[in-house]
Amino acid sequence: MPCLLVLVLLWGCATAPRPGSAQPRVLSNDVFPSGMRLVVREDSRAKLMTMYVSYRAGATDEPEGKEGVAELAARLSLRARHGGAGTPTLEERLVAADVTPRSTVTYDDTELWSSLSPERLARAAALEAQRMADPLAHVTEEDFRQVRAQQLDELWVSQESMDKGPSRRWLHEKLLAGHVYGRPAQGTPESLDRLTLEDVRAFVKANYTPAHAVLVVSGPLPLEEAKSEVARSLAGLMGVGTGAPASPVQHAPPPAPADLPESAPPVVMHGAVRAPQLHFLLTVPGRYSGRYAESLVAREVLKRWLDLSLGLDSLSFRRTATVTYQELDGLTLLHCSVVLRSGMPERMALHHVSSLLSSLEVFANGITESLREPVNGPRRIYQRKYNAPMPFRSYTEGWVRATLNKELELQERTVSAMDIARVVRATGRVDLGGIREEQVARALTEGVVPSYLEQYVRAERMRTLVILPEPGAAASPFMKP
């Protein structure tokens, strides 16, 4: 074991931040013969350790008709009994060791993670190694029935909480219907009822392998100390000296959904909302495209478009509009929501959909044209009239640069273990700050942003949902066509 430990520690060297990088922490990045990837980050600013196992398997990997099996597998892994039948579950042992276990299942991955004090790392790593080696050890049919019932209860509660309009899940299902990202990520009551323990075992066998896993350990412990603790526990999963090496599982992200047919009408629903709501969903390339910076500019364009629209027609719109951003492996989703005035009839709500989309086309085209003007071009008519101090291109480039630089500063402060795992899977690299800087530099290259906006930020690509109040249905939380 000492020789194996030395080999493991020498497998990958600490990766120091490159000059000018926005990544101030010290990291190591190792790929082992089993295909498992291990990232250890020393973060002196943190108080707790985080152990994060990310499997490249999520809702988009579920077999047709078995929606919810990924979530069920993650929950059941905490019921594993590695000491044998009748012994304490993994969850009970983690809690007894003062380790807080959590799990999150997304469309693209399954995240099993724990928060713990630094002195608990060795124990937590040993327990996590047991789960990785046998995720469903001695899980029984009774465990399965209990966990499935709990998941069903939570699913009903989440549906019953939609009293202010659609949740993110609901937007996926309604506006991306027929696409893998439109599937119900936690399943449906009907799909959960159909699942069996054997379905869960099959999903785990196919997807909970070392080659699917990225393990990120982050916290205040010195890098080599943390790496040594983890290596002792995970040595049996690294595949050192066991034959031909395996490569990490490579993920081909789902393709983008087809553009909407020309003049496709908005989806109109009724629900428990007090005033009509308009929801616009724009799909642009996702995490694996490397076009993160361009998508941020698109988000800023949408924000400015809504701010301008609400300012010009304060009688129709309440001062309630938001733009949210969701980055997935295959898509980035930009969701714009607008609340209209109470009592507005359906006819007027639909008129505002058409009016807003027309104004988006004009606004986005104006931004694109301004970025293609000569650098020292003349000021436009209204700028000369009001004695604006700079050509429109200079102004536009200024807020584009400010937007991207602000995001780089935010990334420097908030990079999480989850972010690291996803970027490692997409790029093979751990220096997220360096990657983002490169993406921003490319986006600021002449012609890149205007071409991107011209291709993706178009009114006809907007997927639109209109939610109207349902008279007498204030107590009913469910949306109905």
Foldseek 3Di string as FASTA:
>chain_A
DVVLLVCLLVQWDKDADDPPFLAHWIKTWHQFLQQAIEMEIADQVFQKKKKKKKFQDFQLNAPPLQAQLLVLLLVLLQQADLVAPPHHGLVVQCVVLVKAWDWDGDLGIIMIMIIGGPVSLLVVLQSVLSCLVPSNHNRDQVNSVVSLVVLQVVVVVVLQPQQAHDDPLRCLLPLVPPFSSNANRNHHPSSSVPDGPVSSVVSCVVISASLRIYIYMYYNDPRSVSSSSNCVNNVVRRCPPVDGGDHRDADDDGADDDFDPPPDAAAEWEFNHQFKKKKKKFKDFADLVLQVLLVLVVLVLVVVLVVVVCVVCVQFFPPDKDWDWDGDNGIIIIMIMTTTDGPDDPVVVSVVLVVSQVSLQVSLVVLLVLLVDPQQDDADPVCVVVVPPGHPNVVSLVVSVVSLVVVLNVCSVDPDSVNQRVCCSSPVDRSVSVSSVVSSVVCSPRPNNSVRSVVGRHSSRIHMYMYGYDPPCNSGGHMGD
